[in-house]
N, C-alpha and C. Protein backbone atom coordinates (compact mmCIF):
# COMPACT_ATOMS: atom_id res chain seq x y z
N MET A 1 33.03 13.68 -0.30
CA MET A 1 31.39 13.68 0.20
C MET A 1 30.80 15.08 0.23
N PRO A 2 30.11 15.81 -0.41
CA PRO A 2 29.83 17.24 1.36
C PRO A 2 27.99 16.38 2.00
N ASP A 3 28.25 17.31 2.82
CA ASP A 3 27.32 17.53 3.78
C ASP A 3 26.23 18.35 3.76
N HIS A 4 25.32 17.11 4.07
CA HIS A 4 23.95 17.39 3.58
C HIS A 4 23.68 17.65 4.59
N SER A 5 23.48 18.59 5.96
CA SER A 5 23.34 18.30 7.04
C SER A 5 22.76 19.41 7.51
N HIS A 6 22.18 19.92 7.86
CA HIS A 6 22.43 21.47 8.14
C HIS A 6 20.73 21.73 8.31
N PRO A 7 20.78 23.03 9.69
CA PRO A 7 19.85 22.98 9.70
C PRO A 7 18.54 22.86 9.90
N ILE A 8 17.77 22.60 9.88
CA ILE A 8 16.32 23.69 8.92
C ILE A 8 15.37 24.34 9.73
N SER A 9 15.56 25.56 9.03
CA SER A 9 14.77 26.49 9.20
C SER A 9 14.41 26.91 10.00
N ASP A 10 12.50 26.77 9.38
CA ASP A 10 11.69 26.52 9.31
C ASP A 10 10.52 25.39 10.11
N LEU A 11 10.16 24.53 10.93
CA LEU A 11 10.45 23.29 11.56
C LEU A 11 8.76 22.55 11.09
N ARG A 12 8.28 23.83 10.61
CA ARG A 12 6.62 24.20 10.23
C ARG A 12 6.41 23.62 9.49
N LYS A 13 7.12 24.45 8.88
CA LYS A 13 7.07 23.12 6.79
C LYS A 13 7.70 22.26 6.73
N HIS A 14 8.44 22.16 7.16
CA HIS A 14 8.64 20.75 7.20
C HIS A 14 8.42 19.62 8.02
N ARG A 15 7.82 19.96 9.43
CA ARG A 15 6.18 19.12 9.51
C ARG A 15 5.52 19.29 9.29
N ARG A 16 4.98 19.72 8.70
CA ARG A 16 3.89 20.18 7.38
C ARG A 16 4.57 18.82 6.00
N LEU A 17 5.44 19.05 5.49
CA LEU A 17 5.39 17.97 4.39
C LEU A 17 6.02 16.82 5.17
N GLU A 18 6.10 16.39 6.39
CA GLU A 18 6.37 15.26 6.66
C GLU A 18 5.06 15.14 7.16
N ASP A 19 4.20 14.66 7.38
CA ASP A 19 3.00 14.81 7.53
C ASP A 19 2.57 14.95 6.76
N ARG A 20 1.83 15.87 5.26
CA ARG A 20 1.76 14.87 4.29
C ARG A 20 1.67 13.80 3.63
N ARG A 21 3.64 13.47 3.64
CA ARG A 21 4.81 12.63 3.36
C ARG A 21 4.04 11.23 4.10
N LEU A 22 3.32 11.42 4.86
CA LEU A 22 2.88 10.08 6.46
C LEU A 22 2.20 9.80 6.14
N VAL A 23 0.93 10.55 5.28
CA VAL A 23 -0.77 10.23 5.09
C VAL A 23 -0.94 9.63 3.78
N VAL A 24 0.15 9.82 3.21
CA VAL A 24 -0.16 8.93 1.34
C VAL A 24 0.59 8.29 1.36
N VAL A 25 1.76 7.57 2.54
CA VAL A 25 1.77 6.50 2.95
C VAL A 25 1.19 5.40 3.36
N ILE A 26 0.66 6.47 4.19
CA ILE A 26 -0.62 5.16 4.73
C ILE A 26 -1.37 5.24 3.94
N ILE A 27 -2.44 5.59 3.52
CA ILE A 27 -3.06 5.42 2.29
C ILE A 27 -2.83 4.68 1.25
N LEU A 28 -1.55 4.24 0.66
CA LEU A 28 -0.76 3.46 -0.24
C LEU A 28 -0.59 2.07 0.57
N PHE A 29 -0.58 2.42 1.67
CA PHE A 29 -0.22 1.06 2.31
C PHE A 29 -1.44 0.29 2.75
N ILE A 30 -2.20 0.87 3.00
CA ILE A 30 -4.15 0.38 3.64
C ILE A 30 -4.31 -0.54 1.99
N VAL A 31 -4.21 0.51 0.81
CA VAL A 31 -5.10 -0.14 -0.20
C VAL A 31 -4.45 -1.20 -1.10
N ILE A 32 -3.01 -0.61 -0.73
CA ILE A 32 -2.08 -2.25 -1.61
C ILE A 32 -2.19 -3.44 -0.53
N VAL A 33 -1.07 -3.44 0.93
CA VAL A 33 -0.92 -4.42 1.29
C VAL A 33 -2.61 -4.63 1.92
N GLY A 34 -3.94 -4.59 2.35
CA GLY A 34 -4.82 -4.41 2.89
C GLY A 34 -5.22 -5.14 0.76
N GLY A 35 -6.06 -4.89 -0.70
CA GLY A 35 -5.92 -5.82 -0.85
C GLY A 35 -4.56 -6.88 -1.86
N ILE A 36 -3.80 -6.87 -0.90
CA ILE A 36 -2.45 -8.10 -1.49
C ILE A 36 -3.17 -8.69 -0.19
N ALA A 37 -4.19 -8.54 0.78
CA ALA A 37 -4.04 -9.56 1.91
C ALA A 37 -5.82 -10.49 1.50
N ILE A 38 -6.33 -8.94 1.32
CA ILE A 38 -7.82 -9.84 0.49
C ILE A 38 -7.60 -10.66 -0.54
N GLY A 39 -6.30 -11.26 -1.52
CA GLY A 39 -6.52 -11.62 -2.30
C GLY A 39 -6.22 -12.40 -2.00
N LEU A 40 -5.40 -12.88 -1.10
CA LEU A 40 -3.81 -13.70 -0.76
C LEU A 40 -5.55 -15.31 -0.10
N VAL A 41 -6.06 -14.06 0.97
CA VAL A 41 -7.27 -15.18 1.65
C VAL A 41 -8.61 -14.70 0.73
N TYR A 42 -9.11 -14.71 0.63
CA TYR A 42 -10.55 -15.35 -0.52
C TYR A 42 -9.93 -14.83 -1.68
N GLY A 43 -9.15 -14.65 -2.30
CA GLY A 43 -9.45 -14.66 -4.29
C GLY A 43 -8.74 -13.44 -4.95
N TRP A 44 -7.97 -13.62 -5.52
CA TRP A 44 -7.70 -12.39 -7.15
C TRP A 44 -9.38 -11.67 -7.51
N GLY A 45 -9.84 -12.53 -7.31
CA GLY A 45 -11.69 -11.54 -8.11
C GLY A 45 -11.98 -10.72 -7.22
N LEU A 46 -12.11 -11.49 -5.05
CA LEU A 46 -13.02 -10.05 -4.65
C LEU A 46 -12.23 -9.30 -3.91
N ALA A 47 -10.71 -9.23 -4.07
CA ALA A 47 -9.18 -8.31 -4.57
C ALA A 47 -10.04 -6.83 -4.83
N ALA A 48 -10.71 -7.62 -5.82
CA ALA A 48 -11.35 -5.49 -6.66
C ALA A 48 -12.28 -5.27 -6.13
N ALA A 49 -13.63 -5.96 -5.44
CA ALA A 49 -14.49 -5.42 -4.71
C ALA A 49 -13.37 -5.03 -3.86
N GLY A 50 -13.00 -5.57 -3.38
CA GLY A 50 -12.66 -5.43 -1.32
C GLY A 50 -11.17 -3.93 -1.40
N VAL A 51 -10.76 -3.70 -3.31
CA VAL A 51 -9.59 -2.56 -2.91
C VAL A 51 -10.31 -1.75 -3.25
N VAL A 52 -12.02 -1.69 -3.98
CA VAL A 52 -12.62 -0.49 -4.18
C VAL A 52 -13.04 -0.19 -2.66
N CYS A 53 -13.81 -1.00 -1.32
CA CYS A 53 -13.68 -0.42 -0.90
C CYS A 53 -12.50 0.11 0.82
N LEU A 54 -11.23 -0.32 0.08
CA LEU A 54 -10.80 0.03 0.91
C LEU A 54 -9.73 1.94 0.69
N ILE A 55 -10.33 1.46 -0.94
CA ILE A 55 -9.77 2.61 -1.51
C ILE A 55 -10.86 3.92 -0.85
N GLY A 56 -12.17 3.50 -0.84
CA GLY A 56 -13.05 4.00 0.11
C GLY A 56 -13.14 4.71 1.53
N GLY A 57 -11.96 3.87 2.97
CA GLY A 57 -11.45 4.02 3.44
C GLY A 57 -10.38 4.68 4.10
N ALA A 58 -9.94 4.51 2.43
CA ALA A 58 -8.27 5.81 2.84
C ALA A 58 -8.99 6.99 2.43
N ALA A 59 -10.38 7.09 1.60
CA ALA A 59 -10.33 8.83 1.36
C ALA A 59 -11.25 9.13 2.20
N LEU A 60 -12.18 7.97 2.70
CA LEU A 60 -12.47 8.85 4.39
C LEU A 60 -10.80 9.59 5.34
N PHE A 61 -10.08 8.76 5.76
CA PHE A 61 -8.50 8.83 6.52
C PHE A 61 -8.33 10.50 5.79
N GLY A 62 -8.46 10.38 4.68
CA GLY A 62 -7.66 11.63 3.55
C GLY A 62 -8.59 13.04 3.31
N LEU A 63 -9.70 12.99 3.82
CA LEU A 63 -10.49 13.62 4.21
C LEU A 63 -10.42 14.32 5.00
N LEU A 64 -10.72 13.34 6.57
CA LEU A 64 -10.09 13.44 7.92
C LEU A 64 -9.00 14.19 8.02
N TRP A 65 -7.99 14.04 7.69
CA TRP A 65 -6.72 14.48 7.84
C TRP A 65 -6.83 16.07 7.02
N LEU A 66 -7.66 16.02 5.86
CA LEU A 66 -7.60 17.08 5.16
C LEU A 66 -8.74 17.99 6.10
N LEU A 67 -9.27 18.36 7.18
CA LEU A 67 -10.60 19.01 7.61
C LEU A 67 -9.58 19.42 9.33
N LEU A 68 -8.96 17.51 9.37
CA LEU A 68 -7.45 18.77 10.43
C LEU A 68 -6.92 19.91 10.22
N SER A 69 -6.41 20.33 8.66
CA SER A 69 -4.98 20.76 8.53
C SER A 69 -5.94 21.48 8.17
N VAL A 70 -6.53 21.80 7.69
CA VAL A 70 -7.78 23.32 7.56
C VAL A 70 -8.03 23.96 9.08
N VAL A 71 -8.72 23.42 9.77
CA VAL A 71 -8.80 23.48 10.88
C VAL A 71 -7.86 24.64 11.64
N GLU A 72 -6.57 23.47 11.86
CA GLU A 72 -5.03 23.96 12.34
C GLU A 72 -4.68 25.21 11.53
N ARG A 73 -4.88 25.01 10.56
CA ARG A 73 -4.37 26.27 9.68
C ARG A 73 -5.32 27.76 10.07
N LEU A 74 -7.02 27.40 9.92
CA LEU A 74 -8.30 28.43 9.60
C LEU A 74 -7.63 29.02 12.00
N LEU A 75 -7.05 28.36 12.87
CA LEU A 75 -6.55 28.60 14.14
C LEU A 75 -5.54 29.67 14.40
N LYS A 76 -4.70 28.76 13.09
CA LYS A 76 -2.80 29.76 13.58
C LYS A 76 -3.92 31.21 12.72
N ASN A 77 -4.39 31.41 12.16
CA ASN A 77 -4.85 32.83 11.33
C ASN A 77 -4.87 33.76 12.69
N GLN A 78 -5.73 33.31 13.56
CA GLN A 78 -6.90 33.78 14.30
C GLN A 78 -5.37 35.00 15.27
């Protein structure tokens, strides 16, 4: 069996990739689990409206992450 454990050469690039993956997982978790929870508590008809609101909240989270990423890159270039 080949050994895939090699040292990471660019830690900043690796951290950015992991941050991006984590943001995607968080957004999907908010929308999917939140939608299921709303559906179980209030019914599946209202879950559709709830998912729309959750998508809006997840979009705000994504925009905040994007803004902070842009600021971080701008500060690195100075």
